[in-house]
N, C-alpha and C. Protein backbone atom coordinates (compact mmCIF):
# COMPACT_ATOMS: atom_id res chain seq x y z
N MET A 1 115.14 121.36 122.84
CA MET A 1 114.75 120.59 121.67
C MET A 1 114.24 121.58 120.62
N PRO A 2 114.77 121.49 119.38
CA PRO A 2 114.30 122.41 118.35
C PRO A 2 112.90 122.03 117.88
N LYS A 3 112.20 123.03 117.39
CA LYS A 3 110.86 122.80 116.89
C LYS A 3 110.92 122.03 115.58
N LEU A 4 110.05 121.05 115.45
CA LEU A 4 110.03 120.25 114.24
C LEU A 4 109.41 121.05 113.10
N PRO A 5 109.99 120.96 111.92
CA PRO A 5 109.43 121.68 110.78
C PRO A 5 108.25 120.92 110.19
N LEU A 6 107.42 121.63 109.45
CA LEU A 6 106.37 120.98 108.69
C LEU A 6 106.98 120.56 107.35
N VAL A 7 106.95 119.28 107.07
CA VAL A 7 107.57 118.78 105.84
C VAL A 7 106.56 117.97 105.06
N SER A 8 106.80 117.85 103.77
CA SER A 8 105.96 117.02 102.92
C SER A 8 106.50 115.59 102.96
N SER A 9 105.74 114.68 102.39
CA SER A 9 106.20 113.29 102.37
C SER A 9 107.44 113.15 101.50
N LYS A 10 107.54 113.91 100.41
CA LYS A 10 108.73 113.84 99.55
C LYS A 10 109.97 114.27 100.30
N GLN A 11 109.87 115.35 101.08
CA GLN A 11 111.01 115.81 101.86
C GLN A 11 111.41 114.79 102.92
N ALA A 12 110.43 114.21 103.58
CA ALA A 12 110.71 113.22 104.62
C ALA A 12 111.38 111.99 104.02
N ILE A 13 110.92 111.55 102.86
CA ILE A 13 111.50 110.37 102.22
C ILE A 13 112.95 110.65 101.85
N LYS A 14 113.25 111.84 101.35
CA LYS A 14 114.63 112.19 100.99
C LYS A 14 115.54 112.16 102.21
N VAL A 15 115.05 112.67 103.33
CA VAL A 15 115.86 112.66 104.55
C VAL A 15 116.10 111.23 105.02
N PHE A 16 115.06 110.42 105.02
CA PHE A 16 115.24 109.03 105.47
C PHE A 16 116.11 108.23 104.51
N GLN A 17 116.11 108.58 103.23
CA GLN A 17 117.02 107.92 102.29
C GLN A 17 118.46 108.28 102.62
N LYS A 18 118.70 109.51 103.08
CA LYS A 18 120.04 109.89 103.51
C LYS A 18 120.46 109.13 104.76
N LEU A 19 119.48 108.63 105.51
CA LEU A 19 119.75 107.82 106.71
C LEU A 19 119.78 106.33 106.38
N ASN A 20 119.99 105.98 105.11
CA ASN A 20 120.13 104.61 104.63
C ASN A 20 118.83 103.81 104.66
N TYR A 21 117.71 104.46 104.50
CA TYR A 21 116.45 103.77 104.30
C TYR A 21 116.16 103.74 102.81
N LYS A 22 115.47 102.70 102.36
CA LYS A 22 115.08 102.67 100.95
C LYS A 22 113.60 102.31 100.86
N VAL A 23 112.98 102.78 99.80
CA VAL A 23 111.58 102.49 99.54
C VAL A 23 111.48 101.05 99.04
N VAL A 24 110.68 100.24 99.72
CA VAL A 24 110.53 98.85 99.30
C VAL A 24 109.20 98.60 98.61
N ARG A 25 108.18 99.37 98.97
CA ARG A 25 106.90 99.20 98.29
C ARG A 25 105.98 100.37 98.61
N GLN A 26 104.93 100.46 97.81
CA GLN A 26 103.90 101.47 98.04
C GLN A 26 102.55 100.82 97.78
N LYS A 27 101.63 101.04 98.70
CA LYS A 27 100.28 100.53 98.53
C LYS A 27 99.34 101.70 98.77
N GLY A 28 98.69 102.14 97.71
CA GLY A 28 97.82 103.29 97.83
C GLY A 28 98.63 104.53 98.10
N SER A 29 98.30 105.22 99.18
CA SER A 29 99.02 106.46 99.50
C SER A 29 100.02 106.27 100.63
N HIS A 30 100.44 105.05 100.90
CA HIS A 30 101.40 104.79 101.97
C HIS A 30 102.67 104.17 101.39
N ILE A 31 103.80 104.74 101.77
CA ILE A 31 105.09 104.31 101.28
C ILE A 31 105.82 103.60 102.41
N ARG A 32 106.33 102.42 102.13
CA ARG A 32 107.02 101.61 103.14
C ARG A 32 108.52 101.68 102.88
N MET A 33 109.29 101.94 103.95
CA MET A 33 110.74 102.04 103.84
C MET A 33 111.40 101.10 104.85
N HIS A 34 112.51 100.46 104.43
CA HIS A 34 113.29 99.59 105.30
C HIS A 34 114.72 100.10 105.32
N HIS A 35 115.40 99.88 106.44
CA HIS A 35 116.81 100.26 106.55
C HIS A 35 117.65 99.26 105.77
N LEU A 36 118.68 99.75 105.08
CA LEU A 36 119.49 98.89 104.24
C LEU A 36 120.36 97.91 105.02
N PHE A 37 120.94 98.36 106.13
CA PHE A 37 121.93 97.54 106.82
C PHE A 37 121.49 97.06 108.18
N ASP A 38 120.83 97.89 108.95
CA ASP A 38 120.48 97.59 110.33
C ASP A 38 119.04 97.10 110.42
N LYS A 39 118.86 95.81 110.52
CA LYS A 39 117.51 95.23 110.55
C LYS A 39 116.84 95.39 111.91
N THR A 40 117.57 95.91 112.92
CA THR A 40 116.94 96.15 114.21
C THR A 40 116.11 97.44 114.20
N LYS A 41 116.35 98.30 113.23
CA LYS A 41 115.57 99.53 113.11
C LYS A 41 114.22 99.20 112.50
N SER A 42 113.20 99.82 113.02
CA SER A 42 111.84 99.54 112.57
C SER A 42 111.62 100.03 111.15
N PRO A 43 110.79 99.31 110.38
CA PRO A 43 110.42 99.84 109.07
C PRO A 43 109.53 101.07 109.24
N LEU A 44 109.56 101.97 108.28
CA LEU A 44 108.80 103.20 108.35
C LEU A 44 107.68 103.17 107.33
N THR A 45 106.52 103.65 107.72
CA THR A 45 105.39 103.81 106.81
C THR A 45 105.06 105.29 106.76
N ILE A 46 105.25 105.88 105.59
CA ILE A 46 105.06 107.32 105.42
C ILE A 46 103.86 107.56 104.52
N PRO A 47 102.85 108.30 105.00
CA PRO A 47 101.71 108.61 104.14
C PRO A 47 102.10 109.65 103.11
N LYS A 48 101.58 109.52 101.92
CA LYS A 48 101.90 110.47 100.85
C LYS A 48 100.96 111.66 100.96
N HIS A 49 101.35 112.62 101.82
CA HIS A 49 100.56 113.82 102.08
C HIS A 49 101.39 115.05 101.75
N ARG A 50 100.71 116.17 101.58
CA ARG A 50 101.43 117.43 101.35
C ARG A 50 102.19 117.84 102.60
N VAL A 51 101.57 117.65 103.76
CA VAL A 51 102.20 118.02 105.03
C VAL A 51 102.04 116.85 106.00
N ILE A 52 103.16 116.42 106.57
CA ILE A 52 103.13 115.36 107.58
C ILE A 52 103.06 116.04 108.95
N GLY A 53 102.17 115.61 109.79
CA GLY A 53 102.00 116.20 111.11
C GLY A 53 103.23 116.00 111.98
N ARG A 54 103.40 116.90 112.92
CA ARG A 54 104.58 116.85 113.78
C ARG A 54 104.60 115.61 114.66
N GLY A 55 103.45 115.15 115.11
CA GLY A 55 103.39 113.95 115.94
C GLY A 55 103.84 112.72 115.17
N LEU A 56 103.38 112.59 113.94
CA LEU A 56 103.79 111.46 113.10
C LEU A 56 105.27 111.56 112.76
N LEU A 57 105.73 112.75 112.47
CA LEU A 57 107.15 112.94 112.15
C LEU A 57 108.02 112.57 113.34
N ARG A 58 107.59 112.93 114.54
CA ARG A 58 108.33 112.57 115.76
C ARG A 58 108.37 111.05 115.93
N LYS A 59 107.28 110.37 115.64
CA LYS A 59 107.24 108.91 115.75
C LYS A 59 108.17 108.27 114.72
N LEU A 60 108.17 108.80 113.49
CA LEU A 60 109.05 108.27 112.45
C LEU A 60 110.51 108.43 112.84
N MET A 61 110.84 109.58 113.42
CA MET A 61 112.22 109.81 113.85
C MET A 61 112.60 108.87 114.99
N ARG A 62 111.66 108.62 115.90
CA ARG A 62 111.93 107.70 117.01
C ARG A 62 112.16 106.29 116.47
N ASP A 63 111.36 105.86 115.49
CA ASP A 63 111.53 104.54 114.89
C ASP A 63 112.86 104.43 114.14
N ALA A 64 113.29 105.53 113.52
CA ALA A 64 114.55 105.54 112.78
C ALA A 64 115.74 105.80 113.69
N LYS A 65 115.48 106.02 114.99
CA LYS A 65 116.52 106.27 115.99
C LYS A 65 117.38 107.47 115.60
N THR A 66 116.72 108.57 115.25
CA THR A 66 117.41 109.81 114.94
C THR A 66 116.82 110.94 115.78
N THR A 67 117.52 112.04 115.86
CA THR A 67 117.08 113.17 116.67
C THR A 67 116.54 114.28 115.78
N PRO A 68 115.75 115.18 116.35
CA PRO A 68 115.27 116.32 115.55
C PRO A 68 116.40 117.18 115.02
N GLU A 69 117.50 117.31 115.77
CA GLU A 69 118.64 118.08 115.30
C GLU A 69 119.23 117.47 114.04
N ASP A 70 119.42 116.14 114.05
CA ASP A 70 119.97 115.46 112.87
C ASP A 70 119.00 115.56 111.69
N PHE A 71 117.72 115.43 111.97
CA PHE A 71 116.72 115.51 110.91
C PHE A 71 116.75 116.89 110.25
N ASN A 72 116.83 117.94 111.07
CA ASN A 72 116.87 119.31 110.54
C ASN A 72 118.13 119.54 109.71
N LYS A 73 119.26 118.99 110.14
CA LYS A 73 120.51 119.15 109.37
C LYS A 73 120.39 118.48 108.01
N LEU A 74 119.81 117.30 107.97
CA LEU A 74 119.68 116.57 106.70
C LEU A 74 118.60 117.17 105.81
N LEU A 75 117.69 117.90 106.39
CA LEU A 75 116.62 118.51 105.61
C LEU A 75 117.13 119.65 104.74
N LYS A 76 118.18 120.30 105.18
CA LYS A 76 118.72 121.45 104.45
C LYS A 76 119.64 121.08 103.33
């Protein structure tokens, strides 16, 4: 398993948008994203931070049903 990179909330949002998620609302410093087509995928809540922790990033990827390899490819 590759090591997860440290990413900002902006970078994470861009990657999840490439995975067909869209921003539906923001309340305070938390951004809510829903998948456009597959309603079985969990909605994502991303905090607007400079750096998202690896544990939270792993949970977001699990909810989006993606792998760290795919995430790293889309990050570049």
